[in-house]
Amino acid sequence: MDTHDRLQQLLQERGWTEYKLSKECGLAQSTIGNIFRRNTLPSVATLETICRGFGITMSQFFADNDMVELTPDMKEVFDAWICLKPNQKQAALQMLKAMSHDND
């Protein structure tokens, strides 16, 4: 999927207009319009800004498979997870599994 198709896909998934995207990412409406109507490719910096507006990373933007968007809570857990030592990760995983079995 090319950049323009991906941008269109993200707009459609969210039900956003180009105007809404410009407001969410803080770019001028003309900048967003040029990308779509003049078929120009955004610079890396502009694409990073657009991704922030969508609430995704550049990696998620270019991912070939289904994109997983992290909620703020999920991001907080992930940020804490990456700081853990291997034995702490194992303990946390065991705790989460035990908690999920309690919900069965």
C-alpha atoms as a PDB file:
ATOM      1  CA  MET A   1       0.000   0.000   0.000  1.00  0.00           C
ATOM      2  CA  ASP A   2       1.410   3.391  -0.892  1.00  0.00           C
ATOM      3  CA  THR A   3       1.492   6.428   1.373  1.00  0.00           C
ATOM      4  CA  HIS A   4      -1.585   8.094  -0.118  1.00  0.00           C
ATOM      5  CA  ASP A   5      -3.649   4.913   0.086  1.00  0.00           C
ATOM      6  CA  ARG A   6      -2.607   4.432   3.706  1.00  0.00           C
ATOM      7  CA  LEU A   7      -3.549   8.005   4.576  1.00  0.00           C
ATOM      8  CA  GLN A   8      -6.950   7.549   2.938  1.00  0.00           C
ATOM      9  CA  GLN A   9      -7.426   4.272   4.809  1.00  0.00           C
ATOM     10  CA  LEU A  10      -6.680   5.925   8.157  1.00  0.00           C
ATOM     11  CA  LEU A  11      -9.065   8.787   7.397  1.00  0.00           C
ATOM     12  CA  GLN A  12     -11.837   6.362   6.447  1.00  0.00           C
ATOM     13  CA  GLU A  13     -11.275   4.138   9.502  1.00  0.00           C
ATOM     14  CA  ARG A  14     -11.744   7.124  11.773  1.00  0.00           C
ATOM     15  CA  GLY A  15     -14.441   8.855   9.750  1.00  0.00           C
ATOM     16  CA  TRP A  16     -12.211  11.929   9.529  1.00  0.00           C
ATOM     17  CA  THR A  17     -12.061  14.609   6.886  1.00  0.00           C
ATOM     18  CA  GLU A  18      -8.851  16.228   5.712  1.00  0.00           C
ATOM     19  CA  TYR A  19      -9.872  19.235   7.798  1.00  0.00           C
ATOM     20  CA  LYS A  20     -10.208  17.090  10.936  1.00  0.00           C
ATOM     21  CA  LEU A  21      -6.764  15.589  10.268  1.00  0.00           C
ATOM     22  CA  SER A  22      -5.238  19.039   9.910  1.00  0.00           C
ATOM     23  CA  LYS A  23      -6.712  20.063  13.259  1.00  0.00           C
ATOM     24  CA  GLU A  24      -5.617  16.853  15.000  1.00  0.00           C
ATOM     25  CA  CYS A  25      -2.012  17.085  13.821  1.00  0.00           C
ATOM     26  CA  GLY A  26      -1.666  20.875  13.840  1.00  0.00           C
ATOM     27  CA  LEU A  27      -0.739  21.221  10.184  1.00  0.00           C
ATOM     28  CA  ALA A  28      -2.209  23.776   7.835  1.00  0.00           C
ATOM     29  CA  GLN A  29      -5.223  22.542   5.918  1.00  0.00           C
ATOM     30  CA  SER A  30      -3.408  23.528   2.713  1.00  0.00           C
ATOM     31  CA  THR A  31      -0.531  21.187   3.599  1.00  0.00           C
ATOM     32  CA  ILE A  32      -2.903  18.261   4.023  1.00  0.00           C
ATOM     33  CA  GLY A  33      -4.807  19.268   0.902  1.00  0.00           C
ATOM     34  CA  ASN A  34      -1.630  19.368  -1.177  1.00  0.00           C
ATOM     35  CA  ILE A  35      -0.765  15.842  -0.125  1.00  0.00           C
ATOM     36  CA  PHE A  36      -4.104  14.548  -1.379  1.00  0.00           C
ATOM     37  CA  ARG A  37      -4.964  16.796  -4.312  1.00  0.00           C
ATOM     38  CA  ARG A  38      -1.513  17.331  -5.784  1.00  0.00           C
ATOM     39  CA  ASN A  39      -0.494  13.772  -4.978  1.00  0.00           C
ATOM     40  CA  THR A  40       2.664  14.991  -3.248  1.00  0.00           C
ATOM     41  CA  LEU A  41       4.506  12.823  -0.775  1.00  0.00           C
ATOM     42  CA  PRO A  42       4.835  14.323   2.691  1.00  0.00           C
ATOM     43  CA  SER A  43       8.310  14.833   4.084  1.00  0.00           C
ATOM     44  CA  VAL A  44       9.388  12.525   6.892  1.00  0.00           C
ATOM     45  CA  ALA A  45       8.831  15.332   9.411  1.00  0.00           C
ATOM     46  CA  THR A  46       5.335  16.018   8.049  1.00  0.00           C
ATOM     47  CA  LEU A  47       4.469  12.327   8.041  1.00  0.00           C
ATOM     48  CA  GLU A  48       5.645  12.028  11.656  1.00  0.00           C
ATOM     49  CA  THR A  49       3.359  14.939  12.558  1.00  0.00           C
ATOM     50  CA  ILE A  50       0.459  13.310  10.717  1.00  0.00           C
ATOM     51  CA  CYS A  51       1.095  10.016  12.509  1.00  0.00           C
ATOM     52  CA  ARG A  52       1.025  11.798  15.862  1.00  0.00           C
ATOM     53  CA  GLY A  53      -2.311  13.308  14.848  1.00  0.00           C
ATOM     54  CA  PHE A  54      -3.619   9.826  14.110  1.00  0.00           C
ATOM     55  CA  GLY A  55      -2.164   8.596  17.388  1.00  0.00           C
ATOM     56  CA  ILE A  56       0.097   6.041  15.736  1.00  0.00           C
ATOM     57  CA  THR A  57       3.801   5.554  15.194  1.00  0.00           C
ATOM     58  CA  MET A  58       5.598   5.608  11.867  1.00  0.00           C
ATOM     59  CA  SER A  59       6.113   1.851  12.287  1.00  0.00           C
ATOM     60  CA  GLN A  60       2.377   1.373  12.603  1.00  0.00           C
ATOM     61  CA  PHE A  61       1.812   3.571   9.568  1.00  0.00           C
ATOM     62  CA  PHE A  62       4.047   1.386   7.400  1.00  0.00           C
ATOM     63  CA  ALA A  63       3.093  -1.968   8.944  1.00  0.00           C
ATOM     64  CA  ASP A  64       1.939  -4.484   6.337  1.00  0.00           C
ATOM     65  CA  ASN A  65      -0.272  -6.388   8.744  1.00  0.00           C
ATOM     66  CA  ASP A  66      -3.135  -5.290  10.916  1.00  0.00           C
ATOM     67  CA  MET A  67      -2.221  -2.270  12.947  1.00  0.00           C
ATOM     68  CA  VAL A  68      -2.663  -2.455  16.687  1.00  0.00           C
ATOM     69  CA  GLU A  69      -3.315   0.886  18.290  1.00  0.00           C
ATOM     70  CA  LEU A  70      -2.421   1.247  21.927  1.00  0.00           C
ATOM     71  CA  THR A  71      -4.850   2.909  24.251  1.00  0.00           C
ATOM     72  CA  PRO A  72      -3.299   5.236  26.830  1.00  0.00           C
ATOM     73  CA  ASP A  73      -3.641   2.473  29.447  1.00  0.00           C
ATOM     74  CA  MET A  74      -1.985  -0.084  27.177  1.00  0.00           C
ATOM     75  CA  LYS A  75       0.851   2.313  26.423  1.00  0.00           C
ATOM     76  CA  GLU A  76       1.405   2.896  30.133  1.00  0.00           C
ATOM     77  CA  VAL A  77       1.635  -0.866  30.715  1.00  0.00           C
ATOM     78  CA  PHE A  78       3.963  -1.284  27.745  1.00  0.00           C
ATOM     79  CA  ASP A  79       6.220   1.565  28.870  1.00  0.00           C
ATOM     80  CA  ALA A  80       6.476  -0.025  32.316  1.00  0.00           C
ATOM     81  CA  TRP A  81       7.036  -3.478  30.786  1.00  0.00           C
ATOM     82  CA  ILE A  82      10.057  -2.496  28.715  1.00  0.00           C
ATOM     83  CA  CYS A  83      11.849  -1.247  31.844  1.00  0.00           C
ATOM     84  CA  LEU A  84      11.483  -4.567  33.671  1.00  0.00           C
ATOM     85  CA  LYS A  85      14.230  -7.158  34.094  1.00  0.00           C
ATOM     86  CA  PRO A  86      13.542 -10.628  32.621  1.00  0.00           C
ATOM     87  CA  ASN A  87      12.594 -12.155  35.995  1.00  0.00           C
ATOM     88  CA  GLN A  88      10.248  -9.216  36.670  1.00  0.00           C
ATOM     89  CA  LYS A  89       8.605  -9.674  33.263  1.00  0.00           C
ATOM     90  CA  GLN A  90       8.039 -13.350  34.042  1.00  0.00           C
ATOM     91  CA  ALA A  91       6.472 -12.512  37.407  1.00  0.00           C
ATOM     92  CA  ALA A  92       4.251  -9.836  35.860  1.00  0.00           C
ATOM     93  CA  LEU A  93       3.150 -12.213  33.100  1.00  0.00           C
ATOM     94  CA  GLN A  94       2.283 -14.918  35.648  1.00  0.00           C
ATOM     95  CA  MET A  95       0.274 -12.394  37.642  1.00  0.00           C
ATOM     96  CA  LEU A  96      -1.642 -11.255  34.547  1.00  0.00           C
ATOM     97  CA  LYS A  97      -2.391 -14.845  33.551  1.00  0.00           C
ATOM     98  CA  ALA A  98      -3.640 -15.620  37.040  1.00  0.00           C
ATOM     99  CA  MET A  99      -5.837 -12.542  36.996  1.00  0.00           C
ATOM    100  CA  SER A 100      -7.292 -13.416  33.587  1.00  0.00           C
ATOM    101  CA  HIS A 101      -8.128 -16.952  34.826  1.00  0.00           C
ATOM    102  CA  ASP A 102     -10.020 -15.392  37.737  1.00  0.00           C
ATOM    103  CA  ASN A 103     -12.358 -13.824  35.158  1.00  0.00           C
ATOM    104  CA  ASP A 104     -13.291 -17.195  33.630  1.00  0.00           C
END
